[in-house]
Amino acid sequence: MIESGLWIILLEAAIALGLLGFIVWWTVPKKKKESPEDSKDGSHGS
C-alpha cells in the first residue's frame, strides 16, 4: 500500500477534512453567556 501512492491521497484527504472542520469550528458564532443583569431586565425587544 505504501508503494502504491494511495497513502498520499488518503493523507491529503484527511488533512483537507481536518482543515475544513477547523474552519467551520472557527467561523461558527459563539454563544454569549447571558449575565443575570440582562435576564432580569425586561426591556429586551418591543
N, C-alpha and C. Protein backbone atom coordinates (compact mmCIF):
# COMPACT_ATOMS: atom_id res chain seq x y z
N MET A 1 0.83 -1.20 0.00
CA MET A 1 0.00 0.00 0.00
C MET A 1 0.87 1.25 0.00
N ILE A 2 1.97 1.22 0.70
CA ILE A 2 2.83 2.40 0.77
C ILE A 2 3.42 2.70 -0.61
N GLU A 3 3.78 1.68 -1.35
CA GLU A 3 4.39 1.89 -2.65
C GLU A 3 3.39 2.28 -3.72
N SER A 4 2.11 2.08 -3.47
CA SER A 4 1.11 2.38 -4.49
C SER A 4 0.83 3.87 -4.60
N GLY A 5 1.17 4.66 -3.60
CA GLY A 5 0.90 6.09 -3.63
C GLY A 5 -0.47 6.45 -3.11
N LEU A 6 -1.25 5.45 -2.75
CA LEU A 6 -2.59 5.71 -2.23
C LEU A 6 -2.54 6.43 -0.89
N TRP A 7 -1.49 6.16 -0.11
CA TRP A 7 -1.38 6.78 1.20
C TRP A 7 -1.27 8.30 1.10
N ILE A 8 -0.68 8.79 0.04
CA ILE A 8 -0.57 10.25 -0.14
C ILE A 8 -1.95 10.85 -0.36
N ILE A 9 -2.77 10.18 -1.15
CA ILE A 9 -4.12 10.67 -1.42
C ILE A 9 -4.95 10.62 -0.13
N LEU A 10 -4.83 9.53 0.64
CA LEU A 10 -5.56 9.43 1.90
C LEU A 10 -5.09 10.48 2.90
N LEU A 11 -3.79 10.73 2.97
CA LEU A 11 -3.26 11.74 3.86
C LEU A 11 -3.76 13.12 3.47
N GLU A 12 -3.77 13.40 2.18
CA GLU A 12 -4.25 14.68 1.69
C GLU A 12 -5.74 14.87 1.99
N ALA A 13 -6.52 13.82 1.83
CA ALA A 13 -7.95 13.89 2.14
C ALA A 13 -8.18 14.12 3.63
N ALA A 14 -7.40 13.46 4.47
CA ALA A 14 -7.53 13.63 5.91
C ALA A 14 -7.17 15.06 6.33
N ILE A 15 -6.13 15.60 5.75
CA ILE A 15 -5.73 16.98 6.06
C ILE A 15 -6.80 17.95 5.58
N ALA A 16 -7.36 17.72 4.40
CA ALA A 16 -8.40 18.61 3.88
C ALA A 16 -9.64 18.57 4.77
N LEU A 17 -10.04 17.39 5.22
CA LEU A 17 -11.21 17.28 6.12
C LEU A 17 -10.93 17.95 7.46
N GLY A 18 -9.73 17.76 7.97
CA GLY A 18 -9.37 18.41 9.22
C GLY A 18 -9.38 19.93 9.10
N LEU A 19 -8.85 20.43 7.99
CA LEU A 19 -8.84 21.87 7.76
C LEU A 19 -10.26 22.41 7.60
N LEU A 20 -11.11 21.68 6.90
CA LEU A 20 -12.50 22.08 6.75
C LEU A 20 -13.20 22.14 8.11
N GLY A 21 -13.00 21.12 8.91
CA GLY A 21 -13.60 21.11 10.24
C GLY A 21 -13.11 22.26 11.10
N PHE A 22 -11.81 22.57 11.03
CA PHE A 22 -11.26 23.68 11.79
C PHE A 22 -11.85 25.00 11.34
N ILE A 23 -11.99 25.21 10.04
CA ILE A 23 -12.55 26.46 9.51
C ILE A 23 -14.00 26.61 9.95
N VAL A 24 -14.77 25.54 9.89
CA VAL A 24 -16.17 25.60 10.33
C VAL A 24 -16.24 25.92 11.82
N TRP A 25 -15.41 25.25 12.63
CA TRP A 25 -15.41 25.49 14.08
C TRP A 25 -15.01 26.93 14.38
N TRP A 26 -14.05 27.46 13.65
CA TRP A 26 -13.54 28.81 13.89
C TRP A 26 -14.57 29.88 13.52
N THR A 27 -15.38 29.61 12.49
CA THR A 27 -16.30 30.63 11.99
C THR A 27 -17.70 30.55 12.57
N VAL A 28 -18.03 29.48 13.30
CA VAL A 28 -19.35 29.38 13.92
C VAL A 28 -19.45 30.42 15.02
N PRO A 29 -20.52 31.21 15.03
CA PRO A 29 -20.65 32.23 16.08
C PRO A 29 -20.73 31.61 17.46
N LYS A 30 -20.01 32.19 18.38
CA LYS A 30 -20.01 31.69 19.76
C LYS A 30 -21.22 32.25 20.49
N LYS A 31 -21.83 31.43 21.34
CA LYS A 31 -22.97 31.90 22.15
C LYS A 31 -22.41 32.67 23.34
N LYS A 32 -22.97 33.84 23.56
CA LYS A 32 -22.57 34.63 24.72
C LYS A 32 -23.33 34.13 25.94
N LYS A 33 -22.65 34.09 27.06
CA LYS A 33 -23.33 33.75 28.31
C LYS A 33 -24.13 34.96 28.75
N GLU A 34 -25.40 34.74 29.00
CA GLU A 34 -26.27 35.85 29.39
C GLU A 34 -26.04 36.16 30.86
N SER A 35 -25.71 37.41 31.15
CA SER A 35 -25.47 37.80 32.53
C SER A 35 -26.81 37.95 33.26
N PRO A 36 -26.80 37.82 34.58
CA PRO A 36 -28.05 37.95 35.36
C PRO A 36 -28.69 39.33 35.19
N GLU A 37 -27.86 40.37 34.98
CA GLU A 37 -28.44 41.70 34.78
C GLU A 37 -29.27 41.76 33.52
N ASP A 38 -28.83 41.06 32.46
CA ASP A 38 -29.57 41.05 31.20
C ASP A 38 -30.88 40.28 31.32
N SER A 39 -30.86 39.17 32.05
CA SER A 39 -32.06 38.33 32.11
C SER A 39 -33.15 38.95 32.98
N LYS A 40 -32.79 39.73 34.00
CA LYS A 40 -33.82 40.32 34.85
C LYS A 40 -34.39 41.61 34.26
N ASP A 41 -33.68 42.17 33.30
CA ASP A 41 -34.16 43.39 32.65
C ASP A 41 -35.19 43.02 31.60
N GLY A 42 -36.39 43.55 31.72
CA GLY A 42 -37.47 43.18 30.82
C GLY A 42 -37.56 44.05 29.59
N SER A 43 -36.55 44.85 29.30
CA SER A 43 -36.64 45.79 28.18
C SER A 43 -36.06 45.22 26.90
N HIS A 44 -35.89 43.90 26.79
CA HIS A 44 -35.41 43.29 25.53
C HIS A 44 -36.58 43.15 24.58
N GLY A 45 -36.43 43.69 23.39
CA GLY A 45 -37.50 43.56 22.39
C GLY A 45 -38.47 44.71 22.43
N SER A 46 -39.59 44.56 21.72
CA SER A 46 -40.53 45.69 21.59
C SER A 46 -41.75 45.58 22.43
